[in-house]
Amino acid sequence: MVITLSKVLYDRLKKYNPNTVLIYDGADERLLLKSYNKLPPPADVPSGRIVGYLGKIDSRLDFPLLNYLVEKLNEVNFVFVGRTVLADMREFKKLLSKPNFYYVGEKPRSLLPFYICSMDVGVIPFLVNPLTSSMDPIKLYDYLECRVPVISTALPEVEKYSKEGIVEIAYNPESFIEKIKKLLELYDEKLREERRNLARENSWPKRYEQLISVLKEKIYIVPAI
């Protein structure tokens, strides 16, 4: 049996193995429970409006887009949390030179709720290519668990959750800026709970139930002779 985490991978591999199943990534309920409390922002997060990114700093990121956003929204602070995995640091160094760009490095998962809850908007600014189109970004669920609105480039596995004020898709840099500005001014408790509910609906225990169901259906145990 082959387990895939995106429709693109499922469609690609199903033709080679009929026992291919699709089970998406999920939300970590421990993060969800911790974020119920009003968490203070970490000391290395600046004051003001925060657009945040959680995850690896690697070649999946659309650096021209990021430089454009940081330059055009110079009244907004961009905070990036994660490990740097780049062969070529030139584009990232351009971001580091901007006064409103803050890179705080990799943090243990136990501290992530503090960083995510300090964000006004969580972004997934990935290039759209065959690699990223086959991904189901866990950061999407992490943002939603902490009730943070999400803006992403047009990744298929993020687009399926598209809903205004919850998960928004930006198809060009100008649209990305417009959506950031809109969400920075939008505070709606009902929308905050909708984000959390979406995370609950896609939690790891829910994925576990799916997996167990598939295993019971697909795997046959040969009785001992």
C-alpha atoms as a PDB file:
ATOM      1  CA  MET A   1       0.000   0.000   0.000  1.00  0.00           C
ATOM      2  CA  VAL A   2       1.127   3.534  -0.778  1.00  0.00           C
ATOM      3  CA  ILE A   3      -0.032   6.455   1.382  1.00  0.00           C
ATOM      4  CA  THR A   4       0.053   9.895  -0.238  1.00  0.00           C
ATOM      5  CA  LEU A   5      -0.661  13.311   1.275  1.00  0.00           C
ATOM      6  CA  SER A   6      -1.838  15.258  -1.780  1.00  0.00           C
ATOM      7  CA  LYS A   7      -4.220  14.752  -4.696  1.00  0.00           C
ATOM      8  CA  VAL A   8      -1.379  15.361  -7.163  1.00  0.00           C
ATOM      9  CA  LEU A   9       0.668  12.504  -5.681  1.00  0.00           C
ATOM     10  CA  TYR A  10      -2.390  10.284  -5.384  1.00  0.00           C
ATOM     11  CA  ASP A  11      -3.301  10.738  -9.060  1.00  0.00           C
ATOM     12  CA  ARG A  12       0.309  10.155 -10.116  1.00  0.00           C
ATOM     13  CA  LEU A  13       0.864   6.956  -8.111  1.00  0.00           C
ATOM     14  CA  LYS A  14      -2.572   5.366  -8.331  1.00  0.00           C
ATOM     15  CA  LYS A  15      -1.850   4.189 -11.871  1.00  0.00           C
ATOM     16  CA  TYR A  16       1.160   2.204 -10.621  1.00  0.00           C
ATOM     17  CA  ASN A  17      -0.453   0.754  -7.507  1.00  0.00           C
ATOM     18  CA  PRO A  18      -4.235   0.401  -7.081  1.00  0.00           C
ATOM     19  CA  ASN A  19      -3.697   0.251  -3.303  1.00  0.00           C
ATOM     20  CA  THR A  20      -2.778   3.936  -3.177  1.00  0.00           C
ATOM     21  CA  VAL A  21      -4.656   6.046  -0.630  1.00  0.00           C
ATOM     22  CA  LEU A  22      -4.848   9.736   0.187  1.00  0.00           C
ATOM     23  CA  ILE A  23      -4.496  10.929   3.783  1.00  0.00           C
ATOM     24  CA  TYR A  24      -3.697  14.592   4.284  1.00  0.00           C
ATOM     25  CA  ASP A  25      -1.470  16.171   6.920  1.00  0.00           C
ATOM     26  CA  GLY A  26      -3.207  17.324  10.084  1.00  0.00           C
ATOM     27  CA  ALA A  27      -3.432  19.695  13.011  1.00  0.00           C
ATOM     28  CA  ASP A  28      -1.621  18.946  16.262  1.00  0.00           C
ATOM     29  CA  GLU A  29      -4.219  19.115  19.055  1.00  0.00           C
ATOM     30  CA  ARG A  30      -1.508  19.776  21.647  1.00  0.00           C
ATOM     31  CA  LEU A  31      -0.761  23.040  19.851  1.00  0.00           C
ATOM     32  CA  LEU A  32      -4.487  23.694  19.662  1.00  0.00           C
ATOM     33  CA  LEU A  33      -4.983  23.252  23.400  1.00  0.00           C
ATOM     34  CA  LYS A  34      -1.997  25.408  24.307  1.00  0.00           C
ATOM     35  CA  SER A  35      -3.180  28.252  22.067  1.00  0.00           C
ATOM     36  CA  TYR A  36      -6.465  28.494  23.997  1.00  0.00           C
ATOM     37  CA  ASN A  37      -4.655  30.680  26.501  1.00  0.00           C
ATOM     38  CA  LYS A  38      -3.696  34.269  25.777  1.00  0.00           C
ATOM     39  CA  LEU A  39       0.002  33.823  25.132  1.00  0.00           C
ATOM     40  CA  PRO A  40       2.514  36.666  25.520  1.00  0.00           C
ATOM     41  CA  PRO A  41       4.643  37.451  22.461  1.00  0.00           C
ATOM     42  CA  PRO A  42       8.245  36.188  22.668  1.00  0.00           C
ATOM     43  CA  ALA A  43      10.965  38.743  23.422  1.00  0.00           C
ATOM     44  CA  ASP A  44      12.446  38.483  19.907  1.00  0.00           C
ATOM     45  CA  VAL A  45       9.159  39.389  18.192  1.00  0.00           C
ATOM     46  CA  PRO A  46       8.809  43.139  17.507  1.00  0.00           C
ATOM     47  CA  SER A  47       5.762  45.183  18.447  1.00  0.00           C
ATOM     48  CA  GLY A  48       3.316  46.333  15.776  1.00  0.00           C
ATOM     49  CA  ARG A  49       1.460  44.434  13.076  1.00  0.00           C
ATOM     50  CA  ILE A  50       3.006  41.043  12.312  1.00  0.00           C
ATOM     51  CA  VAL A  51       2.942  39.004   9.125  1.00  0.00           C
ATOM     52  CA  GLY A  52       4.497  35.672  10.042  1.00  0.00           C
ATOM     53  CA  TYR A  53       5.954  32.600   8.382  1.00  0.00           C
ATOM     54  CA  LEU A  54       6.594  29.276  10.070  1.00  0.00           C
ATOM     55  CA  GLY A  55       8.775  26.607   8.490  1.00  0.00           C
ATOM     56  CA  LYS A  56      11.990  25.918   6.642  1.00  0.00           C
ATOM     57  CA  ILE A  57      13.678  28.777   4.826  1.00  0.00           C
ATOM     58  CA  ASP A  58      14.467  26.950   1.592  1.00  0.00           C
ATOM     59  CA  SER A  59      14.188  27.005  -2.184  1.00  0.00           C
ATOM     60  CA  ARG A  60      10.400  26.559  -2.097  1.00  0.00           C
ATOM     61  CA  LEU A  61      10.016  30.186  -1.020  1.00  0.00           C
ATOM     62  CA  ASP A  62       9.242  32.821  -3.644  1.00  0.00           C
ATOM     63  CA  PHE A  63      11.976  35.304  -2.721  1.00  0.00           C
ATOM     64  CA  PRO A  64      11.123  37.931  -5.387  1.00  0.00           C
ATOM     65  CA  LEU A  65       7.559  37.943  -4.015  1.00  0.00           C
ATOM     66  CA  LEU A  66       8.808  38.232  -0.430  1.00  0.00           C
ATOM     67  CA  ASN A  67      11.156  41.105  -1.223  1.00  0.00           C
ATOM     68  CA  TYR A  68       8.298  42.889  -2.983  1.00  0.00           C
ATOM     69  CA  LEU A  69       5.954  42.437  -0.008  1.00  0.00           C
ATOM     70  CA  VAL A  70       8.507  43.554   2.576  1.00  0.00           C
ATOM     71  CA  GLU A  71       9.410  46.662   0.559  1.00  0.00           C
ATOM     72  CA  LYS A  72       5.841  47.696  -0.231  1.00  0.00           C
ATOM     73  CA  LEU A  73       4.508  47.039   3.279  1.00  0.00           C
ATOM     74  CA  ASN A  74       7.275  48.804   5.170  1.00  0.00           C
ATOM     75  CA  GLU A  75       4.914  49.704   8.035  1.00  0.00           C
ATOM     76  CA  VAL A  76       4.359  45.980   8.710  1.00  0.00           C
ATOM     77  CA  ASN A  77       6.850  43.679  10.446  1.00  0.00           C
ATOM     78  CA  PHE A  78       7.601  40.323   8.806  1.00  0.00           C
ATOM     79  CA  VAL A  79       8.705  37.629  11.261  1.00  0.00           C
ATOM     80  CA  PHE A  80      10.109  34.326   9.958  1.00  0.00           C
ATOM     81  CA  VAL A  81      10.508  31.312  12.241  1.00  0.00           C
ATOM     82  CA  GLY A  82      12.378  28.235  11.064  1.00  0.00           C
ATOM     83  CA  ARG A  83      15.597  26.556  10.014  1.00  0.00           C
ATOM     84  CA  THR A  84      17.550  27.931   7.056  1.00  0.00           C
ATOM     85  CA  VAL A  85      18.288  25.318   4.377  1.00  0.00           C
ATOM     86  CA  LEU A  86      19.612  27.302   1.416  1.00  0.00           C
ATOM     87  CA  ALA A  87      22.507  26.571  -0.905  1.00  0.00           C
ATOM     88  CA  ASP A  88      22.404  30.166  -2.155  1.00  0.00           C
ATOM     89  CA  MET A  89      21.813  32.804   0.528  1.00  0.00           C
ATOM     90  CA  ARG A  90      21.818  35.882  -1.726  1.00  0.00           C
ATOM     91  CA  GLU A  91      18.052  36.356  -1.984  1.00  0.00           C
ATOM     92  CA  PHE A  92      17.542  35.696   1.707  1.00  0.00           C
ATOM     93  CA  LYS A  93      20.246  38.212   2.596  1.00  0.00           C
ATOM     94  CA  LYS A  94      18.284  40.863   0.696  1.00  0.00           C
ATOM     95  CA  LEU A  95      15.394  40.222   3.072  1.00  0.00           C
ATOM     96  CA  LEU A  96      17.665  40.293   6.113  1.00  0.00           C
ATOM     97  CA  SER A  97      18.840  43.771   5.104  1.00  0.00           C
ATOM     98  CA  LYS A  98      15.289  45.178   5.355  1.00  0.00           C
ATOM     99  CA  PRO A  99      14.512  46.985   8.645  1.00  0.00           C
ATOM    100  CA  ASN A 100      11.025  45.446   8.894  1.00  0.00           C
ATOM    101  CA  PHE A 101      12.164  41.835   8.327  1.00  0.00           C
ATOM    102  CA  TYR A 102      12.955  39.729  11.406  1.00  0.00           C
ATOM    103  CA  TYR A 103      14.430  36.243  11.274  1.00  0.00           C
ATOM    104  CA  VAL A 104      14.310  34.582  14.698  1.00  0.00           C
ATOM    105  CA  GLY A 105      15.703  31.174  13.701  1.00  0.00           C
ATOM    106  CA  GLU A 106      14.457  27.687  14.493  1.00  0.00           C
ATOM    107  CA  LYS A 107      12.416  27.193  17.665  1.00  0.00           C
ATOM    108  CA  PRO A 108      11.331  24.059  19.575  1.00  0.00           C
ATOM    109  CA  ARG A 109       7.770  23.016  18.853  1.00  0.00           C
ATOM    110  CA  SER A 110       6.761  23.704  22.463  1.00  0.00           C
ATOM    111  CA  LEU A 111       7.367  27.428  21.824  1.00  0.00           C
ATOM    112  CA  LEU A 112       5.630  27.648  18.448  1.00  0.00           C
ATOM    113  CA  PRO A 113       2.218  28.641  19.854  1.00  0.00           C
ATOM    114  CA  PHE A 114       3.815  31.768  21.335  1.00  0.00           C
ATOM    115  CA  TYR A 115       5.178  32.768  17.918  1.00  0.00           C
ATOM    116  CA  ILE A 116       2.087  31.863  15.907  1.00  0.00           C
ATOM    117  CA  CYS A 117      -0.267  33.635  18.323  1.00  0.00           C
ATOM    118  CA  SER A 118       1.820  36.803  17.940  1.00  0.00           C
ATOM    119  CA  MET A 119       1.027  36.837  14.191  1.00  0.00           C
ATOM    120  CA  ASP A 120      -1.810  38.890  12.720  1.00  0.00           C
ATOM    121  CA  VAL A 121      -1.516  36.979   9.433  1.00  0.00           C
ATOM    122  CA  GLY A 122       0.247  33.716   8.584  1.00  0.00           C
ATOM    123  CA  VAL A 123       1.634  33.357   5.067  1.00  0.00           C
ATOM    124  CA  ILE A 124       2.624  30.488   2.764  1.00  0.00           C
ATOM    125  CA  PRO A 125       4.622  32.361   0.088  1.00  0.00           C
ATOM    126  CA  PHE A 126       5.778  29.358  -1.943  1.00  0.00           C
ATOM    127  CA  LEU A 127       6.656  29.187  -5.602  1.00  0.00           C
ATOM    128  CA  VAL A 128       4.022  27.243  -7.522  1.00  0.00           C
ATOM    129  CA  ASN A 129       5.787  24.345  -9.226  1.00  0.00           C
ATOM    130  CA  PRO A 130       5.532  20.526  -9.413  1.00  0.00           C
ATOM    131  CA  LEU A 131       7.206  20.126  -6.016  1.00  0.00           C
ATOM    132  CA  THR A 132       5.069  22.587  -4.051  1.00  0.00           C
ATOM    133  CA  SER A 133       1.901  21.556  -5.903  1.00  0.00           C
ATOM    134  CA  SER A 134       2.309  18.063  -4.440  1.00  0.00           C
ATOM    135  CA  MET A 135       2.562  19.354  -0.859  1.00  0.00           C
ATOM    136  CA  ASP A 136       0.012  19.703   1.926  1.00  0.00           C
ATOM    137  CA  PRO A 137       1.754  22.300   4.136  1.00  0.00           C
ATOM    138  CA  ILE A 138       1.530  21.534   7.864  1.00  0.00           C
ATOM    139  CA  LYS A 139       2.018  25.235   8.586  1.00  0.00           C
ATOM    140  CA  LEU A 140      -1.490  25.803   7.204  1.00  0.00           C
ATOM    141  CA  TYR A 141      -2.944  23.742  10.052  1.00  0.00           C
ATOM    142  CA  ASP A 142      -0.587  25.311  12.606  1.00  0.00           C
ATOM    143  CA  TYR A 143      -1.803  28.806  11.705  1.00  0.00           C
ATOM    144  CA  LEU A 144      -5.456  27.754  11.822  1.00  0.00           C
ATOM    145  CA  GLU A 145      -5.021  26.023  15.188  1.00  0.00           C
ATOM    146  CA  CYS A 146      -3.999  29.364  16.650  1.00  0.00           C
ATOM    147  CA  ARG A 147      -6.898  31.129  14.872  1.00  0.00           C
ATOM    148  CA  VAL A 148      -4.576  33.063  12.564  1.00  0.00           C
ATOM    149  CA  PRO A 149      -5.856  33.902   9.045  1.00  0.00           C
ATOM    150  CA  VAL A 150      -3.815  32.459   6.177  1.00  0.00           C
ATOM    151  CA  ILE A 151      -2.706  33.864   2.828  1.00  0.00           C
ATOM    152  CA  SER A 152      -1.056  31.495   0.367  1.00  0.00           C
ATOM    153  CA  THR A 153       0.079  31.368  -3.202  1.00  0.00           C
ATOM    154  CA  ALA A 154      -2.041  29.097  -5.412  1.00  0.00           C
ATOM    155  CA  LEU A 155      -1.090  25.694  -4.018  1.00  0.00           C
ATOM    156  CA  PRO A 156      -3.747  23.068  -4.853  1.00  0.00           C
ATOM    157  CA  GLU A 157      -3.891  21.564  -1.355  1.00  0.00           C
ATOM    158  CA  VAL A 158      -4.362  25.000   0.204  1.00  0.00           C
ATOM    159  CA  GLU A 159      -6.875  26.221  -2.390  1.00  0.00           C
ATOM    160  CA  LYS A 160      -9.338  23.525  -1.350  1.00  0.00           C
ATOM    161  CA  TYR A 161      -9.778  25.336   2.005  1.00  0.00           C
ATOM    162  CA  SER A 162     -10.166  28.765   0.404  1.00  0.00           C
ATOM    163  CA  LYS A 163     -12.652  30.944   2.260  1.00  0.00           C
ATOM    164  CA  GLU A 164     -12.631  34.695   2.851  1.00  0.00           C
ATOM    165  CA  GLY A 165     -11.132  35.603   6.206  1.00  0.00           C
ATOM    166  CA  ILE A 166     -10.043  32.013   6.851  1.00  0.00           C
ATOM    167  CA  VAL A 167      -7.687  30.882   4.064  1.00  0.00           C
ATOM    168  CA  GLU A 168      -7.158  33.315   1.191  1.00  0.00           C
ATOM    169  CA  ILE A 169      -5.315  32.663  -2.071  1.00  0.00           C
ATOM    170  CA  ALA A 170      -3.194  35.354  -3.761  1.00  0.00           C
ATOM    171  CA  TYR A 171      -2.620  34.836  -7.477  1.00  0.00           C
ATOM    172  CA  ASN A 172      -0.146  37.703  -7.931  1.00  0.00           C
ATOM    173  CA  PRO A 173       1.985  40.027  -5.765  1.00  0.00           C
ATOM    174  CA  GLU A 174      -0.542  42.887  -5.870  1.00  0.00           C
ATOM    175  CA  SER A 175      -3.285  40.547  -4.689  1.00  0.00           C
ATOM    176  CA  PHE A 176      -1.031  39.340  -1.867  1.00  0.00           C
ATOM    177  CA  ILE A 177      -0.564  42.911  -0.656  1.00  0.00           C
ATOM    178  CA  GLU A 178      -4.284  43.684  -0.855  1.00  0.00           C
ATOM    179  CA  LYS A 179      -5.141  40.590   1.151  1.00  0.00           C
ATOM    180  CA  ILE A 180      -2.540  41.326   3.827  1.00  0.00           C
ATOM    181  CA  LYS A 181      -3.902  44.851   4.241  1.00  0.00           C
ATOM    182  CA  LYS A 182      -7.474  43.559   4.443  1.00  0.00           C
ATOM    183  CA  LEU A 183      -6.726  40.840   6.989  1.00  0.00           C
ATOM    184  CA  LEU A 184      -4.649  43.148   9.168  1.00  0.00           C
ATOM    185  CA  GLU A 185      -7.772  45.256   9.644  1.00  0.00           C
ATOM    186  CA  LEU A 186     -10.107  42.305  10.109  1.00  0.00           C
ATOM    187  CA  TYR A 187     -10.735  41.054  13.627  1.00  0.00           C
ATOM    188  CA  ASP A 188     -13.814  38.906  13.912  1.00  0.00           C
ATOM    189  CA  GLU A 189     -14.268  36.482  16.794  1.00  0.00           C
ATOM    190  CA  LYS A 190     -16.607  34.323  14.713  1.00  0.00           C
ATOM    191  CA  LEU A 191     -13.949  33.967  12.002  1.00  0.00           C
ATOM    192  CA  ARG A 192     -11.346  33.159  14.650  1.00  0.00           C
ATOM    193  CA  GLU A 193     -13.473  30.265  15.878  1.00  0.00           C
ATOM    194  CA  GLU A 194     -14.119  29.111  12.306  1.00  0.00           C
ATOM    195  CA  ARG A 195     -10.362  28.839  11.787  1.00  0.00           C
ATOM    196  CA  ARG A 196      -9.994  26.782  14.938  1.00  0.00           C
ATOM    197  CA  ASN A 197     -12.936  24.571  13.965  1.00  0.00           C
ATOM    198  CA  LEU A 198     -11.329  23.931  10.585  1.00  0.00           C
ATOM    199  CA  ALA A 199      -8.172  22.809  12.403  1.00  0.00           C
ATOM    200  CA  ARG A 200     -10.236  20.512  14.630  1.00  0.00           C
ATOM    201  CA  GLU A 201     -11.906  18.951  11.587  1.00  0.00           C
ATOM    202  CA  ASN A 202      -8.450  18.165  10.202  1.00  0.00           C
ATOM    203  CA  SER A 203      -6.687  17.047  13.379  1.00  0.00           C
ATOM    204  CA  TRP A 204      -4.207  14.158  13.571  1.00  0.00           C
ATOM    205  CA  PRO A 205      -6.711  12.003  15.538  1.00  0.00           C
ATOM    206  CA  LYS A 206      -9.108  12.406  12.585  1.00  0.00           C
ATOM    207  CA  ARG A 207      -6.323  11.352  10.214  1.00  0.00           C
ATOM    208  CA  TYR A 208      -5.575   8.382  12.479  1.00  0.00           C
ATOM    209  CA  GLU A 209      -9.206   7.258  12.193  1.00  0.00           C
ATOM    210  CA  GLN A 210      -8.920   7.472   8.405  1.00  0.00           C
ATOM    211  CA  LEU A 211      -5.702   5.451   8.399  1.00  0.00           C
ATOM    212  CA  ILE A 212      -7.112   2.720  10.644  1.00  0.00           C
ATOM    213  CA  SER A 213     -10.188   2.479   8.421  1.00  0.00           C
ATOM    214  CA  VAL A 214      -8.000   2.137   5.321  1.00  0.00           C
ATOM    215  CA  LEU A 215      -5.763  -0.466   6.943  1.00  0.00           C
ATOM    216  CA  LYS A 216      -8.765  -2.563   7.930  1.00  0.00           C
ATOM    217  CA  GLU A 217     -10.083  -2.366   4.382  1.00  0.00           C
ATOM    218  CA  LYS A 218      -6.834  -2.899   2.472  1.00  0.00           C
ATOM    219  CA  ILE A 219      -4.738  -5.271   4.561  1.00  0.00           C
ATOM    220  CA  TYR A 220      -5.642  -8.928   4.759  1.00  0.00           C
ATOM    221  CA  ILE A 221      -4.100 -11.084   7.498  1.00  0.00           C
ATOM    222  CA  VAL A 222      -3.365 -14.629   6.407  1.00  0.00           C
ATOM    223  CA  PRO A 223      -4.343 -16.992   9.212  1.00  0.00           C
ATOM    224  CA  ALA A 224      -1.613 -19.252  10.597  1.00  0.00           C
ATOM    225  CA  ILE A 225      -1.695 -22.828   9.331  1.00  0.00           C
END
